Amino acid sequence: MDQSFYEKILDAMTDGVYFVNRKRQILYWNKAAEELSGYKADEVLGKCCAENTLQHVDDAGTHLCFKGCPLSASMRDGEPRETHVYMHHKSGFRMPVHIRSFPTHDENGRVTGAVEIFKDDRQHRAMISEVETLRQEVLTDPLTGIGNRRYADITLESYEAGLVARGIPFGVIIVDVDNFKSINDTWGHKLGDRVIKTVAQTLLSALRPRDIACRWGGDEYVILIPEATKEGVSVIGRRLLHLIKESWIELETEAVTFSASIGGALAQPGDTVAFVMEQADQQLYRCKEDGRNCFYFNGSKYDLNPRIVLTAC
C-alpha cells in the first residue's frame, strides 16, 4: 500500500494529526488538523511547530515549545504522552485541546520523529466546569456563600482519618447567634438574613486561610481547624467572640447589634467526630446557661473582658 492510502485514512479521522521530524518540522498535516487549527497544510508543512503556528501553552501560560514540549519528550525517551493544552488558532484565540504524542521509528528502531493527535477539548472543559459548579452548589450554603453542613461533614471525615492515621489533631468551634428568634421577631426575616450573612463574613475575615467556616444550620455555624492546638482553638474562639460583638447592621434610624455564644473542642487521639462535636456542643450549652455572649473551651469561660478568664470547677 502506498503513502496516499494511509493519508486517506488519516484525512478521514475527526482528530487532528500531524507528523514531525527530529527538528520538529511538520511533515504531514491532516484535514482535521486544518479544521481545528484554521491552518491549511501548505501554511505549516516544512515549518517548526513552534514557528507562530500552534504554540501550545499550559494553564499557567508556559510556552511548551520551549519548555515541556510533549513531542520533544516523546522523541527523547521513546514514551507516549497525553495532556491538556491550549493551542493557538489561526484566528488568534487560544483553544483547549487534548493531545497525545507518540515517537516514530525507522526500520532499525531508531526514533525519527513524532506524531501528535489532538482534538477539541472545549466540551470536556465545559463539562469539568459544570461539574465544579454543581459541586459548589451542593457544598455551599446559598445564603452566606460559605460551606454548608454537608461540606462540614465531608471535611470532618477527612480530619478524623488524619487523626487516626497520623495523629494529626483538629479543632471544632460551634458559633450560635444569641437571641436570633428575637431578632427575627423584632426586625423581620430580611434583617435576620442580613445578620446570618454578616456573621458568616465576620467568621471568614477572622480565620486563617486553612481554617474552614460552614453554616451548620439556622443561626449556627461550625469552624473546622486543621492541625489544631489548644492555644490555637482558644485564640480563634476569643477572636470570634470579640469580632462578632463588634459587628452591627446600620438601619436608617439605628444600628442593630448582636452577639454569639461559642463552644470549642480539641480532638485527641482515639476521639471520633461525633465525640468532638458533642464536646463542642456541651461547651456551647454552658455558654447559654451562663448568660450567652461568651466562649467556653476546655472547661474555661472567656467573656468580653480580656482580663477575666474563669476556670470552671
Foldseek 3Di string as FASTA:
>chain_A
DDPVVVLVVQQPDLWWKWWAFLQQQTADTHPNNCVVQVDDPVRRHRHHCCPPGFQWAAPVRDRCVVPVPQFNVCLVPQDKDWDWTWTQHPVGDTFIKIKIKGFDADPVRHTTGMMMIIDGCPVVVVVVVVVVVVVQVVQADVLQRFGEQVVVVVVQVVLQVCCAPPVQKKKKKKKAWPPLVVVCVVPNVVVSSVLLNVLSVLLVVLDDPVKGWYAHDDRMIMIIGTSDDPVRQVVSQLSSLVSQQVDWDDDPPGIGHTGIQMFMFMDGRPDHPVRRVVRRVVQSVVLVVVPHSWYGYPQWIGHPPNVDIHHHD
